[in-house]
Amino acid sequence: MSHPGNNNNESPTVSFDEDDKRPCVDRYVKRPQFRVGDKVFVINTSGSREGPYFVASVSGGKFKLSGEDGQSAKNGDEFSLDSLEEA
């Protein structure tokens, strides 16, 4: 059975609300956790992609990026997981 928005054919996870009374369906898509060396795109506010870049460092849930040459990318800015996409 196919579920809308489920591109990975994963089954949804059913959990319960804070009062354990009403069932809830957890999200289908789980965002990847990136590691140093992973290739990523930066998603701009307009929805367009920039890159690819490489994850240079991870600290406190923020990611710094580098180019293929190992030099800091995007002025050394830090990015949240929500603004990155696997390349």
N, C-alpha and C. Protein backbone atom coordinates (compact mmCIF):
# COMPACT_ATOMS: atom_id res chain seq x y z
N MET A 1 0.85 -1.18 0.00
CA MET A 1 0.00 0.00 0.00
C MET A 1 0.89 1.23 0.00
N SER A 2 0.59 2.18 -0.84
CA SER A 2 1.38 3.40 -0.95
C SER A 2 0.75 4.51 -0.12
N HIS A 3 1.58 5.28 0.56
CA HIS A 3 1.11 6.39 1.37
C HIS A 3 1.55 7.69 0.74
N PRO A 4 0.70 8.69 0.63
CA PRO A 4 1.10 9.98 0.08
C PRO A 4 2.26 10.57 0.88
N GLY A 5 3.24 11.09 0.16
CA GLY A 5 4.37 11.73 0.81
C GLY A 5 5.40 10.76 1.34
N ASN A 6 5.20 9.47 1.10
CA ASN A 6 6.14 8.47 1.58
C ASN A 6 6.89 7.91 0.40
N ASN A 7 8.04 8.49 0.09
CA ASN A 7 8.82 8.08 -1.06
C ASN A 7 9.70 6.88 -0.76
N ASN A 8 9.91 6.55 0.49
CA ASN A 8 10.81 5.48 0.85
C ASN A 8 10.08 4.18 1.16
N ASN A 9 8.77 4.15 0.97
CA ASN A 9 7.94 2.99 1.28
C ASN A 9 8.13 2.53 2.72
N GLU A 10 8.39 3.44 3.62
CA GLU A 10 8.50 3.12 5.03
C GLU A 10 7.12 3.19 5.65
N SER A 11 6.88 2.32 6.62
CA SER A 11 5.62 2.37 7.34
C SER A 11 5.67 3.52 8.33
N PRO A 12 4.55 4.21 8.51
CA PRO A 12 4.54 5.27 9.50
C PRO A 12 4.63 4.68 10.90
N THR A 13 5.09 5.47 11.82
CA THR A 13 5.17 5.06 13.21
C THR A 13 4.00 5.68 13.95
N VAL A 14 3.25 4.85 14.68
CA VAL A 14 2.11 5.35 15.44
C VAL A 14 2.56 5.53 16.89
N SER A 15 2.27 6.70 17.43
CA SER A 15 2.57 6.97 18.83
C SER A 15 1.34 7.62 19.44
N PHE A 16 1.43 7.97 20.72
CA PHE A 16 0.29 8.58 21.39
C PHE A 16 0.67 9.97 21.87
N ASP A 17 -0.34 10.84 22.02
CA ASP A 17 -0.10 12.21 22.47
C ASP A 17 0.36 12.20 23.92
N GLU A 18 0.56 13.38 24.47
CA GLU A 18 1.10 13.53 25.82
C GLU A 18 0.24 12.86 26.88
N ASP A 19 -1.07 12.77 26.65
CA ASP A 19 -1.97 12.16 27.63
C ASP A 19 -2.16 10.66 27.38
N ASP A 20 -1.48 10.13 26.37
CA ASP A 20 -1.61 8.73 25.98
C ASP A 20 -3.04 8.34 25.66
N LYS A 21 -3.80 9.28 25.10
CA LYS A 21 -5.18 9.01 24.78
C LYS A 21 -5.43 8.97 23.27
N ARG A 22 -4.80 9.88 22.53
CA ARG A 22 -5.07 9.96 21.10
C ARG A 22 -3.85 9.49 20.31
N PRO A 23 -4.06 8.58 19.36
CA PRO A 23 -2.93 8.15 18.54
C PRO A 23 -2.53 9.24 17.56
N CYS A 24 -1.28 9.30 17.26
CA CYS A 24 -0.72 10.25 16.29
C CYS A 24 0.16 9.46 15.33
N VAL A 25 0.28 9.94 14.11
CA VAL A 25 1.18 9.32 13.14
C VAL A 25 2.42 10.19 13.05
N ASP A 26 3.57 9.59 13.32
CA ASP A 26 4.82 10.32 13.20
C ASP A 26 5.12 10.55 11.72
N ARG A 27 5.99 11.48 11.46
CA ARG A 27 6.35 11.82 10.08
C ARG A 27 6.93 10.60 9.36
N TYR A 28 6.70 10.56 8.07
CA TYR A 28 7.24 9.48 7.25
C TYR A 28 8.73 9.68 6.97
N VAL A 29 9.08 10.90 6.64
CA VAL A 29 10.44 11.18 6.21
C VAL A 29 11.29 11.57 7.41
N LYS A 30 12.40 10.90 7.56
CA LYS A 30 13.34 11.23 8.62
C LYS A 30 14.55 11.89 7.97
N ARG A 31 14.90 13.06 8.44
CA ARG A 31 16.02 13.79 7.88
C ARG A 31 17.32 13.12 8.26
N PRO A 32 18.24 13.08 7.33
CA PRO A 32 19.53 12.47 7.65
C PRO A 32 20.34 13.34 8.60
N GLN A 33 21.18 12.72 9.37
CA GLN A 33 22.14 13.44 10.19
C GLN A 33 23.44 13.44 9.41
N PHE A 34 23.98 14.60 9.16
CA PHE A 34 25.19 14.69 8.35
C PHE A 34 26.43 14.59 9.21
N ARG A 35 27.49 14.07 8.60
CA ARG A 35 28.78 13.93 9.26
C ARG A 35 29.82 14.69 8.46
N VAL A 36 30.95 14.96 9.08
CA VAL A 36 32.05 15.63 8.39
C VAL A 36 32.41 14.82 7.15
N GLY A 37 32.52 15.52 6.03
CA GLY A 37 32.86 14.89 4.75
C GLY A 37 31.67 14.60 3.87
N ASP A 38 30.44 14.65 4.42
CA ASP A 38 29.24 14.42 3.61
C ASP A 38 29.04 15.56 2.63
N LYS A 39 28.54 15.23 1.45
CA LYS A 39 28.26 16.23 0.41
C LYS A 39 26.82 16.69 0.56
N VAL A 40 26.61 18.01 0.61
CA VAL A 40 25.28 18.59 0.84
C VAL A 40 25.01 19.77 -0.08
N PHE A 41 23.75 20.10 -0.22
CA PHE A 41 23.31 21.34 -0.85
C PHE A 41 22.78 22.25 0.23
N VAL A 42 22.91 23.56 0.05
CA VAL A 42 22.28 24.54 0.91
C VAL A 42 20.96 24.92 0.25
N ILE A 43 19.87 24.89 1.02
CA ILE A 43 18.55 25.26 0.49
C ILE A 43 18.30 26.71 0.90
N ASN A 44 18.17 27.58 -0.10
CA ASN A 44 17.91 29.01 0.15
C ASN A 44 16.46 29.24 0.54
N THR A 45 16.17 30.43 1.04
CA THR A 45 14.80 30.77 1.42
C THR A 45 13.85 30.70 0.23
N SER A 46 14.37 30.87 -0.98
CA SER A 46 13.54 30.78 -2.18
C SER A 46 13.29 29.33 -2.58
N GLY A 47 13.99 28.39 -1.91
CA GLY A 47 13.83 26.97 -2.23
C GLY A 47 14.87 26.45 -3.20
N SER A 48 15.69 27.33 -3.76
CA SER A 48 16.71 26.89 -4.70
C SER A 48 17.90 26.30 -3.94
N ARG A 49 18.67 25.48 -4.63
CA ARG A 49 19.83 24.81 -4.04
C ARG A 49 21.12 25.50 -4.45
N GLU A 50 22.08 25.51 -3.53
CA GLU A 50 23.43 25.97 -3.83
C GLU A 50 24.38 24.84 -3.47
N GLY A 51 25.42 24.71 -4.27
CA GLY A 51 26.41 23.69 -3.96
C GLY A 51 26.65 22.77 -5.13
N PRO A 52 27.19 21.63 -4.88
CA PRO A 52 27.33 20.99 -3.58
C PRO A 52 28.53 21.51 -2.78
N TYR A 53 28.42 21.34 -1.48
CA TYR A 53 29.48 21.65 -0.53
C TYR A 53 29.75 20.39 0.29
N PHE A 54 30.78 20.45 1.10
CA PHE A 54 31.10 19.36 2.01
C PHE A 54 30.95 19.84 3.45
N VAL A 55 30.47 18.97 4.33
CA VAL A 55 30.37 19.31 5.75
C VAL A 55 31.80 19.33 6.29
N ALA A 56 32.22 20.50 6.78
CA ALA A 56 33.57 20.67 7.30
C ALA A 56 33.61 20.42 8.81
N SER A 57 32.55 20.83 9.53
CA SER A 57 32.50 20.61 10.97
C SER A 57 31.05 20.62 11.43
N VAL A 58 30.84 19.96 12.58
CA VAL A 58 29.52 19.90 13.20
C VAL A 58 29.69 20.27 14.66
N SER A 59 28.90 21.25 15.11
CA SER A 59 29.00 21.67 16.50
C SER A 59 27.64 22.18 16.97
N GLY A 60 27.12 21.58 18.01
CA GLY A 60 25.85 22.03 18.58
C GLY A 60 24.69 21.99 17.60
N GLY A 61 24.69 21.01 16.71
CA GLY A 61 23.61 20.91 15.73
C GLY A 61 23.72 21.86 14.56
N LYS A 62 24.83 22.58 14.47
CA LYS A 62 25.08 23.51 13.36
C LYS A 62 26.22 22.95 12.52
N PHE A 63 26.19 23.26 11.22
CA PHE A 63 27.14 22.72 10.28
C PHE A 63 27.89 23.84 9.57
N LYS A 64 29.22 23.71 9.49
CA LYS A 64 30.04 24.60 8.68
C LYS A 64 30.44 23.82 7.44
N LEU A 65 30.51 24.53 6.32
CA LEU A 65 30.73 23.89 5.03
C LEU A 65 32.04 24.31 4.42
N SER A 66 32.51 23.47 3.49
CA SER A 66 33.71 23.81 2.72
C SER A 66 33.49 23.43 1.26
N GLY A 67 34.33 23.99 0.41
CA GLY A 67 34.30 23.63 -1.00
C GLY A 67 35.17 22.41 -1.23
N GLU A 68 35.26 21.97 -2.48
CA GLU A 68 36.07 20.81 -2.82
C GLU A 68 37.54 21.01 -2.46
N ASP A 69 37.98 22.27 -2.47
CA ASP A 69 39.37 22.58 -2.16
C ASP A 69 39.66 22.61 -0.66
N GLY A 70 38.63 22.40 0.18
CA GLY A 70 38.81 22.39 1.62
C GLY A 70 38.70 23.76 2.26
N GLN A 71 38.56 24.80 1.46
CA GLN A 71 38.42 26.16 2.00
C GLN A 71 37.00 26.40 2.49
N SER A 72 36.87 27.22 3.53
CA SER A 72 35.54 27.55 4.07
C SER A 72 34.63 28.06 2.97
N ALA A 73 33.37 27.64 3.04
CA ALA A 73 32.38 28.08 2.06
C ALA A 73 31.36 28.97 2.75
N LYS A 74 30.69 29.79 1.97
CA LYS A 74 29.61 30.65 2.46
C LYS A 74 30.06 31.52 3.62
N ASN A 75 31.25 32.09 3.51
CA ASN A 75 31.82 33.01 4.51
C ASN A 75 31.96 32.37 5.89
N GLY A 76 32.06 31.05 5.95
CA GLY A 76 32.21 30.37 7.24
C GLY A 76 30.94 30.33 8.07
N ASP A 77 29.80 30.67 7.43
CA ASP A 77 28.52 30.67 8.16
C ASP A 77 28.16 29.26 8.62
N GLU A 78 27.37 29.19 9.69
CA GLU A 78 26.86 27.92 10.19
C GLU A 78 25.44 27.73 9.67
N PHE A 79 25.09 26.49 9.41
CA PHE A 79 23.77 26.16 8.86
C PHE A 79 23.09 25.12 9.74
N SER A 80 21.77 25.25 9.87
CA SER A 80 20.99 24.26 10.60
C SER A 80 20.68 23.08 9.69
N LEU A 81 20.28 21.98 10.28
CA LEU A 81 19.94 20.79 9.52
C LEU A 81 18.82 21.07 8.53
N ASP A 82 17.87 21.92 8.91
CA ASP A 82 16.73 22.23 8.03
C ASP A 82 17.12 22.95 6.75
N SER A 83 18.29 23.57 6.73
CA SER A 83 18.70 24.31 5.54
C SER A 83 19.65 23.51 4.66
N LEU A 84 19.84 22.22 4.98
CA LEU A 84 20.73 21.37 4.19
C LEU A 84 19.97 20.19 3.61
N GLU A 85 20.48 19.72 2.46
CA GLU A 85 19.89 18.56 1.81
C GLU A 85 21.01 17.68 1.29
N GLU A 86 20.85 16.39 1.39
CA GLU A 86 21.85 15.46 0.92
C GLU A 86 22.07 15.62 -0.58
N ALA A 87 23.34 15.65 -0.99
CA ALA A 87 23.66 15.82 -2.42
C ALA A 87 23.80 14.46 -3.08
